[in-house]
Amino acid sequence: MDKVDLIAKLKVIVTAYAEDKEALASIDENTDFIKDLKINSANLVDVVLDIEDEFNIEIENDAMAKMLNVKAAMEIIETKLAAIDR
């Protein structure tokens, strides 16, 4: 899966939780879930759970704590998917 597809999937997931719809329209690797999209910390947990469901992966608490922006989320997802493909 390339970065464009991954960002598109993340955008679909975070749409329900993002308060700033303008920032959502221009989501990219540098988008911060809390600062840019105004997703509160409780909903950030929901985002992680939705990511786990969408990609059929399990994200540990330490990785979850690092998942504060699109780039970090992409790196964690890509690492998890690569481990499955082995």
PDB file of N, CA and C in Angstrom:
ATOM      1  N   MET A   1       0.848  -1.178   0.000  1.00  0.00           N
ATOM      2  CA  MET A   1       0.000   0.000   0.000  1.00  0.00           C
ATOM      3  C   MET A   1       0.895   1.244   0.000  1.00  0.00           C
ATOM      4  N   ASP A   2       0.628   2.165  -0.925  1.00  0.00           N
ATOM      5  CA  ASP A   2       1.466   3.365  -0.971  1.00  0.00           C
ATOM      6  C   ASP A   2       0.952   4.431   0.005  1.00  0.00           C
ATOM      7  N   LYS A   3       1.758   5.484   0.165  1.00  0.00           N
ATOM      8  CA  LYS A   3       1.446   6.521   1.153  1.00  0.00           C
ATOM      9  C   LYS A   3       0.136   7.237   0.858  1.00  0.00           C
ATOM     10  N   VAL A   4      -0.166   7.461  -0.409  1.00  0.00           N
ATOM     11  CA  VAL A   4      -1.402   8.153  -0.776  1.00  0.00           C
ATOM     12  C   VAL A   4      -2.614   7.330  -0.334  1.00  0.00           C
ATOM     13  N   ASP A   5      -2.568   6.026  -0.590  1.00  0.00           N
ATOM     14  CA  ASP A   5      -3.673   5.152  -0.184  1.00  0.00           C
ATOM     15  C   ASP A   5      -3.805   5.091   1.331  1.00  0.00           C
ATOM     16  N   LEU A   6      -2.662   5.032   2.002  1.00  0.00           N
ATOM     17  CA  LEU A   6      -2.670   4.948   3.461  1.00  0.00           C
ATOM     18  C   LEU A   6      -3.237   6.230   4.078  1.00  0.00           C
ATOM     19  N   ILE A   7      -2.834   7.376   3.551  1.00  0.00           N
ATOM     20  CA  ILE A   7      -3.372   8.647   4.045  1.00  0.00           C
ATOM     21  C   ILE A   7      -4.879   8.715   3.777  1.00  0.00           C
ATOM     22  N   ALA A   8      -5.303   8.240   2.622  1.00  0.00           N
ATOM     23  CA  ALA A   8      -6.734   8.242   2.289  1.00  0.00           C
ATOM     24  C   ALA A   8      -7.526   7.386   3.276  1.00  0.00           C
ATOM     25  N   LYS A   9      -6.985   6.224   3.637  1.00  0.00           N
ATOM     26  CA  LYS A   9      -7.670   5.357   4.610  1.00  0.00           C
ATOM     27  C   LYS A   9      -7.701   6.017   5.981  1.00  0.00           C
ATOM     28  N   LEU A  10      -6.602   6.649   6.371  1.00  0.00           N
ATOM     29  CA  LEU A  10      -6.563   7.345   7.661  1.00  0.00           C
ATOM     30  C   LEU A  10      -7.565   8.496   7.685  1.00  0.00           C
ATOM     31  N   LYS A  11      -7.685   9.189   6.563  1.00  0.00           N
ATOM     32  CA  LYS A  11      -8.633  10.307   6.487  1.00  0.00           C
ATOM     33  C   LYS A  11     -10.059   9.823   6.728  1.00  0.00           C
ATOM     34  N   VAL A  12     -10.410   8.700   6.136  1.00  0.00           N
ATOM     35  CA  VAL A  12     -11.752   8.141   6.334  1.00  0.00           C
ATOM     36  C   VAL A  12     -11.961   7.815   7.810  1.00  0.00           C
ATOM     37  N   ILE A  13     -10.942   7.224   8.441  1.00  0.00           N
ATOM     38  CA  ILE A  13     -11.047   6.835   9.847  1.00  0.00           C
ATOM     39  C   ILE A  13     -11.213   8.050  10.754  1.00  0.00           C
ATOM     40  N   VAL A  14     -10.409   9.093  10.547  1.00  0.00           N
ATOM     41  CA  VAL A  14     -10.434  10.235  11.470  1.00  0.00           C
ATOM     42  C   VAL A  14     -11.562  11.223  11.198  1.00  0.00           C
ATOM     43  N   THR A  15     -12.224  11.109  10.066  1.00  0.00           N
ATOM     44  CA  THR A  15     -13.291  12.051   9.715  1.00  0.00           C
ATOM     45  C   THR A  15     -14.363  12.154  10.799  1.00  0.00           C
ATOM     46  N   ALA A  16     -14.755  11.038  11.367  1.00  0.00           N
ATOM     47  CA  ALA A  16     -15.812  11.038  12.385  1.00  0.00           C
ATOM     48  C   ALA A  16     -15.392  11.760  13.663  1.00  0.00           C
ATOM     49  N   TYR A  17     -14.091  11.876  13.898  1.00  0.00           N
ATOM     50  CA  TYR A  17     -13.595  12.431  15.162  1.00  0.00           C
ATOM     51  C   TYR A  17     -13.005  13.836  15.031  1.00  0.00           C
ATOM     52  N   ALA A  18     -12.685  14.248  13.815  1.00  0.00           N
ATOM     53  CA  ALA A  18     -12.028  15.539  13.598  1.00  0.00           C
ATOM     54  C   ALA A  18     -13.009  16.694  13.789  1.00  0.00           C
ATOM     55  N   GLU A  19     -12.627  17.658  14.612  1.00  0.00           N
ATOM     56  CA  GLU A  19     -13.445  18.859  14.818  1.00  0.00           C
ATOM     57  C   GLU A  19     -13.150  19.902  13.741  1.00  0.00           C
ATOM     58  N   ASP A  20     -11.912  19.935  13.245  1.00  0.00           N
ATOM     59  CA  ASP A  20     -11.515  20.931  12.244  1.00  0.00           C
ATOM     60  C   ASP A  20     -11.596  20.301  10.858  1.00  0.00           C
ATOM     61  N   LYS A  21     -12.718  20.505  10.200  1.00  0.00           N
ATOM     62  CA  LYS A  21     -12.956  19.892   8.887  1.00  0.00           C
ATOM     63  C   LYS A  21     -12.078  20.516   7.798  1.00  0.00           C
ATOM     64  N   GLU A  22     -11.680  21.787   7.962  1.00  0.00           N
ATOM     65  CA  GLU A  22     -10.781  22.411   6.990  1.00  0.00           C
ATOM     66  C   GLU A  22      -9.427  21.723   6.999  1.00  0.00           C
ATOM     67  N   ALA A  23      -8.895  21.468   8.191  1.00  0.00           N
ATOM     68  CA  ALA A  23      -7.613  20.770   8.304  1.00  0.00           C
ATOM     69  C   ALA A  23      -7.732  19.356   7.755  1.00  0.00           C
ATOM     70  N   LEU A  24      -8.880  18.754   7.948  1.00  0.00           N
ATOM     71  CA  LEU A  24      -9.111  17.403   7.450  1.00  0.00           C
ATOM     72  C   LEU A  24      -9.033  17.369   5.927  1.00  0.00           C
ATOM     73  N   ALA A  25      -9.505  18.412   5.287  1.00  0.00           N
ATOM     74  CA  ALA A  25      -9.491  18.473   3.825  1.00  0.00           C
ATOM     75  C   ALA A  25      -8.073  18.476   3.264  1.00  0.00           C
ATOM     76  N   SER A  26      -7.124  18.977   4.041  1.00  0.00           N
ATOM     77  CA  SER A  26      -5.738  19.042   3.555  1.00  0.00           C
ATOM     78  C   SER A  26      -4.806  18.132   4.360  1.00  0.00           C
ATOM     79  N   ILE A  27      -5.344  17.003   4.829  1.00  0.00           N
ATOM     80  CA  ILE A  27      -4.556  16.068   5.638  1.00  0.00           C
ATOM     81  C   ILE A  27      -3.341  15.565   4.848  1.00  0.00           C
ATOM     82  N   ASP A  28      -2.208  15.518   5.526  1.00  0.00           N
ATOM     83  CA  ASP A  28      -0.998  14.962   4.936  1.00  0.00           C
ATOM     84  C   ASP A  28      -0.146  14.357   6.046  1.00  0.00           C
ATOM     85  N   GLU A  29       1.085  13.971   5.727  1.00  0.00           N
ATOM     86  CA  GLU A  29       1.944  13.314   6.712  1.00  0.00           C
ATOM     87  C   GLU A  29       2.225  14.177   7.937  1.00  0.00           C
ATOM     88  N   ASN A  30       2.196  15.475   7.771  1.00  0.00           N
ATOM     89  CA  ASN A  30       2.541  16.389   8.859  1.00  0.00           C
ATOM     90  C   ASN A  30       1.349  16.785   9.729  1.00  0.00           C
ATOM     91  N   THR A  31       0.174  16.281   9.420  1.00  0.00           N
ATOM     92  CA  THR A  31      -1.025  16.629  10.174  1.00  0.00           C
ATOM     93  C   THR A  31      -0.982  16.014  11.570  1.00  0.00           C
ATOM     94  N   ASP A  32      -1.183  16.855  12.571  1.00  0.00           N
ATOM     95  CA  ASP A  32      -1.228  16.418  13.964  1.00  0.00           C
ATOM     96  C   ASP A  32      -2.687  16.165  14.330  1.00  0.00           C
ATOM     97  N   PHE A  33      -2.960  14.994  14.895  1.00  0.00           N
ATOM     98  CA  PHE A  33      -4.340  14.639  15.211  1.00  0.00           C
ATOM     99  C   PHE A  33      -4.970  15.594  16.229  1.00  0.00           C
ATOM    100  N   ILE A  34      -4.214  15.995  17.230  1.00  0.00           N
ATOM    101  CA  ILE A  34      -4.765  16.834  18.292  1.00  0.00           C
ATOM    102  C   ILE A  34      -4.711  18.313  17.921  1.00  0.00           C
ATOM    103  N   LYS A  35      -3.551  18.803  17.515  1.00  0.00           N
ATOM    104  CA  LYS A  35      -3.396  20.235  17.227  1.00  0.00           C
ATOM    105  C   LYS A  35      -4.118  20.664  15.959  1.00  0.00           C
ATOM    106  N   ASP A  36      -3.979  19.888  14.884  1.00  0.00           N
ATOM    107  CA  ASP A  36      -4.550  20.293  13.601  1.00  0.00           C
ATOM    108  C   ASP A  36      -6.010  19.874  13.427  1.00  0.00           C
ATOM    109  N   LEU A  37      -6.291  18.622  13.726  1.00  0.00           N
ATOM    110  CA  LEU A  37      -7.646  18.112  13.503  1.00  0.00           C
ATOM    111  C   LEU A  37      -8.561  18.302  14.704  1.00  0.00           C
ATOM    112  N   LYS A  38      -7.969  18.704  15.851  1.00  0.00           N
ATOM    113  CA  LYS A  38      -8.733  18.949  17.081  1.00  0.00           C
ATOM    114  C   LYS A  38      -9.464  17.690  17.562  1.00  0.00           C
ATOM    115  N   ILE A  39      -8.778  16.543  17.448  1.00  0.00           N
ATOM    116  CA  ILE A  39      -9.330  15.292  17.971  1.00  0.00           C
ATOM    117  C   ILE A  39      -8.946  15.219  19.444  1.00  0.00           C
ATOM    118  N   ASN A  40      -9.921  15.031  20.324  1.00  0.00           N
ATOM    119  CA  ASN A  40      -9.582  14.978  21.748  1.00  0.00           C
ATOM    120  C   ASN A  40      -8.955  13.624  22.094  1.00  0.00           C
ATOM    121  N   SER A  41      -8.304  13.562  23.240  1.00  0.00           N
ATOM    122  CA  SER A  41      -7.542  12.369  23.595  1.00  0.00           C
ATOM    123  C   SER A  41      -8.420  11.124  23.737  1.00  0.00           C
ATOM    124  N   ALA A  42      -9.634  11.280  24.199  1.00  0.00           N
ATOM    125  CA  ALA A  42     -10.541  10.129  24.298  1.00  0.00           C
ATOM    126  C   ALA A  42     -10.867   9.584  22.911  1.00  0.00           C
ATOM    127  N   ASN A  43     -11.119  10.480  21.979  1.00  0.00           N
ATOM    128  CA  ASN A  43     -11.422  10.048  20.616  1.00  0.00           C
ATOM    129  C   ASN A  43     -10.190   9.502  19.907  1.00  0.00           C
ATOM    130  N   LEU A  44      -9.004   9.929  20.342  1.00  0.00           N
ATOM    131  CA  LEU A  44      -7.778   9.405  19.749  1.00  0.00           C
ATOM    132  C   LEU A  44      -7.677   7.896  19.998  1.00  0.00           C
ATOM    133  N   VAL A  45      -8.146   7.461  21.140  1.00  0.00           N
ATOM    134  CA  VAL A  45      -8.190   6.021  21.433  1.00  0.00           C
ATOM    135  C   VAL A  45      -9.131   5.334  20.443  1.00  0.00           C
ATOM    136  N   ASP A  46     -10.261   5.961  20.150  1.00  0.00           N
ATOM    137  CA  ASP A  46     -11.196   5.406  19.170  1.00  0.00           C
ATOM    138  C   ASP A  46     -10.555   5.325  17.786  1.00  0.00           C
ATOM    139  N   VAL A  47      -9.774   6.336  17.436  1.00  0.00           N
ATOM    140  CA  VAL A  47      -9.062   6.331  16.151  1.00  0.00           C
ATOM    141  C   VAL A  47      -8.147   5.113  16.087  1.00  0.00           C
ATOM    142  N   VAL A  48      -7.390   4.886  17.152  1.00  0.00           N
ATOM    143  CA  VAL A  48      -6.466   3.741  17.183  1.00  0.00           C
ATOM    144  C   VAL A  48      -7.239   2.424  17.057  1.00  0.00           C
ATOM    145  N   LEU A  49      -8.357   2.308  17.764  1.00  0.00           N
ATOM    146  CA  LEU A  49      -9.170   1.093  17.675  1.00  0.00           C
ATOM    147  C   LEU A  49      -9.704   0.889  16.251  1.00  0.00           C
ATOM    148  N   ASP A  50     -10.106   1.973  15.611  1.00  0.00           N
ATOM    149  CA  ASP A  50     -10.594   1.892  14.233  1.00  0.00           C
ATOM    150  C   ASP A  50      -9.467   1.501  13.277  1.00  0.00           C
ATOM    151  N   ILE A  51      -8.262   2.008  13.533  1.00  0.00           N
ATOM    152  CA  ILE A  51      -7.102   1.638  12.718  1.00  0.00           C
ATOM    153  C   ILE A  51      -6.820   0.141  12.876  1.00  0.00           C
ATOM    154  N   GLU A  52      -6.889  -0.347  14.113  1.00  0.00           N
ATOM    155  CA  GLU A  52      -6.679  -1.779  14.345  1.00  0.00           C
ATOM    156  C   GLU A  52      -7.687  -2.613  13.557  1.00  0.00           C
ATOM    157  N   ASP A  53      -8.938  -2.203  13.581  1.00  0.00           N
ATOM    158  CA  ASP A  53      -9.983  -2.923  12.847  1.00  0.00           C
ATOM    159  C   ASP A  53      -9.768  -2.859  11.338  1.00  0.00           C
ATOM    160  N   GLU A  54      -9.476  -1.670  10.830  1.00  0.00           N
ATOM    161  CA  GLU A  54      -9.319  -1.467   9.389  1.00  0.00           C
ATOM    162  C   GLU A  54      -8.165  -2.286   8.811  1.00  0.00           C
ATOM    163  N   PHE A  55      -7.054  -2.309   9.536  1.00  0.00           N
ATOM    164  CA  PHE A  55      -5.850  -2.962   9.013  1.00  0.00           C
ATOM    165  C   PHE A  55      -5.604  -4.345   9.616  1.00  0.00           C
ATOM    166  N   ASN A  56      -6.504  -4.780  10.501  1.00  0.00           N
ATOM    167  CA  ASN A  56      -6.385  -6.085  11.149  1.00  0.00           C
ATOM    168  C   ASN A  56      -5.026  -6.249  11.843  1.00  0.00           C
ATOM    169  N   ILE A  57      -4.689  -5.245  12.642  1.00  0.00           N
ATOM    170  CA  ILE A  57      -3.428  -5.247  13.391  1.00  0.00           C
ATOM    171  C   ILE A  57      -3.732  -4.955  14.858  1.00  0.00           C
ATOM    172  N   GLU A  58      -2.732  -5.182  15.710  1.00  0.00           N
ATOM    173  CA  GLU A  58      -2.858  -4.846  17.123  1.00  0.00           C
ATOM    174  C   GLU A  58      -1.764  -3.837  17.468  1.00  0.00           C
ATOM    175  N   ILE A  59      -2.168  -2.730  18.056  1.00  0.00           N
ATOM    176  CA  ILE A  59      -1.230  -1.660  18.403  1.00  0.00           C
ATOM    177  C   ILE A  59      -1.057  -1.642  19.913  1.00  0.00           C
ATOM    178  N   GLU A  60       0.173  -1.837  20.347  1.00  0.00           N
ATOM    179  CA  GLU A  60       0.482  -1.857  21.771  1.00  0.00           C
ATOM    180  C   GLU A  60       0.400  -0.445  22.347  1.00  0.00           C
ATOM    181  N   ASN A  61       0.305  -0.372  23.669  1.00  0.00           N
ATOM    182  CA  ASN A  61       0.173   0.924  24.352  1.00  0.00           C
ATOM    183  C   ASN A  61       1.321   1.874  24.065  1.00  0.00           C
ATOM    184  N   ASP A  62       2.566   1.368  23.998  1.00  0.00           N
ATOM    185  CA  ASP A  62       3.693   2.267  23.742  1.00  0.00           C
ATOM    186  C   ASP A  62       3.614   2.853  22.337  1.00  0.00           C
ATOM    187  N   ALA A  63       3.199   2.064  21.367  1.00  0.00           N
ATOM    188  CA  ALA A  63       3.028   2.569  20.001  1.00  0.00           C
ATOM    189  C   ALA A  63       1.844   3.528  19.942  1.00  0.00           C
ATOM    190  N   MET A  64       0.794   3.212  20.678  1.00  0.00           N
ATOM    191  CA  MET A  64      -0.390   4.066  20.710  1.00  0.00           C
ATOM    192  C   MET A  64      -0.041   5.460  21.236  1.00  0.00           C
ATOM    193  N   ALA A  65       0.821   5.509  22.244  1.00  0.00           N
ATOM    194  CA  ALA A  65       1.219   6.794  22.824  1.00  0.00           C
ATOM    195  C   ALA A  65       1.987   7.655  21.832  1.00  0.00           C
ATOM    196  N   LYS A  66       2.632   7.025  20.863  1.00  0.00           N
ATOM    197  CA  LYS A  66       3.410   7.766  19.854  1.00  0.00           C
ATOM    198  C   LYS A  66       2.559   8.192  18.660  1.00  0.00           C
ATOM    199  N   MET A  67       1.368   7.668  18.562  1.00  0.00           N
ATOM    200  CA  MET A  67       0.536   7.901  17.391  1.00  0.00           C
ATOM    201  C   MET A  67      -0.235   9.215  17.511  1.00  0.00           C
ATOM    202  N   LEU A  68       0.499  10.314  17.423  1.00  0.00           N
ATOM    203  CA  LEU A  68      -0.104  11.633  17.597  1.00  0.00           C
ATOM    204  C   LEU A  68      -0.267  12.399  16.289  1.00  0.00           C
ATOM    205  N   ASN A  69       0.345  11.889  15.223  1.00  0.00           N
ATOM    206  CA  ASN A  69       0.216  12.562  13.938  1.00  0.00           C
ATOM    207  C   ASN A  69       0.134  11.513  12.828  1.00  0.00           C
ATOM    208  N   VAL A  70      -0.156  11.973  11.637  1.00  0.00           N
ATOM    209  CA  VAL A  70      -0.350  11.062  10.507  1.00  0.00           C
ATOM    210  C   VAL A  70       0.920  10.286  10.204  1.00  0.00           C
ATOM    211  N   LYS A  71       2.062  10.956  10.220  1.00  0.00           N
ATOM    212  CA  LYS A  71       3.321  10.280   9.893  1.00  0.00           C
ATOM    213  C   LYS A  71       3.616   9.140  10.871  1.00  0.00           C
ATOM    214  N   ALA A  72       3.451   9.387  12.159  1.00  0.00           N
ATOM    215  CA  ALA A  72       3.689   8.348  13.160  1.00  0.00           C
ATOM    216  C   ALA A  72       2.706   7.191  12.973  1.00  0.00           C
ATOM    217  N   ALA A  73       1.455   7.515  12.703  1.00  0.00           N
ATOM    218  CA  ALA A  73       0.448   6.473  12.473  1.00  0.00           C
ATOM    219  C   ALA A  73       0.828   5.628  11.261  1.00  0.00           C
ATOM    220  N   MET A  74       1.257   6.277  10.199  1.00  0.00           N
ATOM    221  CA  MET A  74       1.648   5.561   8.986  1.00  0.00           C
ATOM    222  C   MET A  74       2.826   4.631   9.262  1.00  0.00           C
ATOM    223  N   GLU A  75       3.816   5.120  10.000  1.00  0.00           N
ATOM    224  CA  GLU A  75       4.995   4.296  10.297  1.00  0.00           C
ATOM    225  C   GLU A  75       4.611   3.066  11.118  1.00  0.00           C
ATOM    226  N   ILE A  76       3.747   3.261  12.107  1.00  0.00           N
ATOM    227  CA  ILE A  76       3.318   2.142  12.949  1.00  0.00           C
ATOM    228  C   ILE A  76       2.509   1.139  12.125  1.00  0.00           C
ATOM    229  N   ILE A  77       1.592   1.624  11.314  1.00  0.00           N
ATOM    230  CA  ILE A  77       0.778   0.738  10.473  1.00  0.00           C
ATOM    231  C   ILE A  77       1.664  -0.037   9.505  1.00  0.00           C
ATOM    232  N   GLU A  78       2.585   0.661   8.833  1.00  0.00           N
ATOM    233  CA  GLU A  78       3.465   0.003   7.867  1.00  0.00           C
ATOM    234  C   GLU A  78       4.332  -1.055   8.533  1.00  0.00           C
ATOM    235  N   THR A  79       4.836  -0.767   9.740  1.00  0.00           N
ATOM    236  CA  THR A  79       5.656  -1.732  10.478  1.00  0.00           C
ATOM    237  C   THR A  79       4.837  -2.960  10.835  1.00  0.00           C
ATOM    238  N   LYS A  80       3.620  -2.735  11.314  1.00  0.00           N
ATOM    239  CA  LYS A  80       2.745  -3.860  11.686  1.00  0.00           C
ATOM    240  C   LYS A  80       2.368  -4.712  10.475  1.00  0.00           C
ATOM    241  N   LEU A  81       2.047  -4.050   9.363  1.00  0.00           N
ATOM    242  CA  LEU A  81       1.670  -4.793   8.157  1.00  0.00           C
ATOM    243  C   LEU A  81       2.859  -5.572   7.598  1.00  0.00           C
ATOM    244  N   ALA A  82       4.050  -4.989   7.667  1.00  0.00           N
ATOM    245  CA  ALA A  82       5.257  -5.686   7.191  1.00  0.00           C
ATOM    246  C   ALA A  82       5.528  -6.928   8.023  1.00  0.00           C
ATOM    247  N   ALA A  83       5.275  -6.859   9.325  1.00  0.00           N
ATOM    248  CA  ALA A  83       5.484  -8.020  10.193  1.00  0.00           C
ATOM    249  C   ALA A  83       4.504  -9.147   9.866  1.00  0.00           C
ATOM    250  N   ILE A  84       3.301  -8.780   9.430  1.00  0.00           N
ATOM    251  CA  ILE A  84       2.296  -9.782   9.069  1.00  0.00           C
ATOM    252  C   ILE A  84       2.694 -10.486   7.767  1.00  0.00           C
ATOM    253  N   ASP A  85       3.259  -9.713   6.835  1.00  0.00           N
ATOM    254  CA  ASP A  85       3.612 -10.240   5.516  1.00  0.00           C
ATOM    255  C   ASP A  85       4.797 -11.202   5.533  1.00  0.00           C
ATOM    256  N   ARG A  86       5.506 -11.272   6.645  1.00  0.00           N
ATOM    257  CA  ARG A  86       6.700 -12.131   6.702  1.00  0.00           C
ATOM    258  C   ARG A  86       6.339 -13.584   6.750  1.00  0.00           C
TER     259      ARG A  86
END
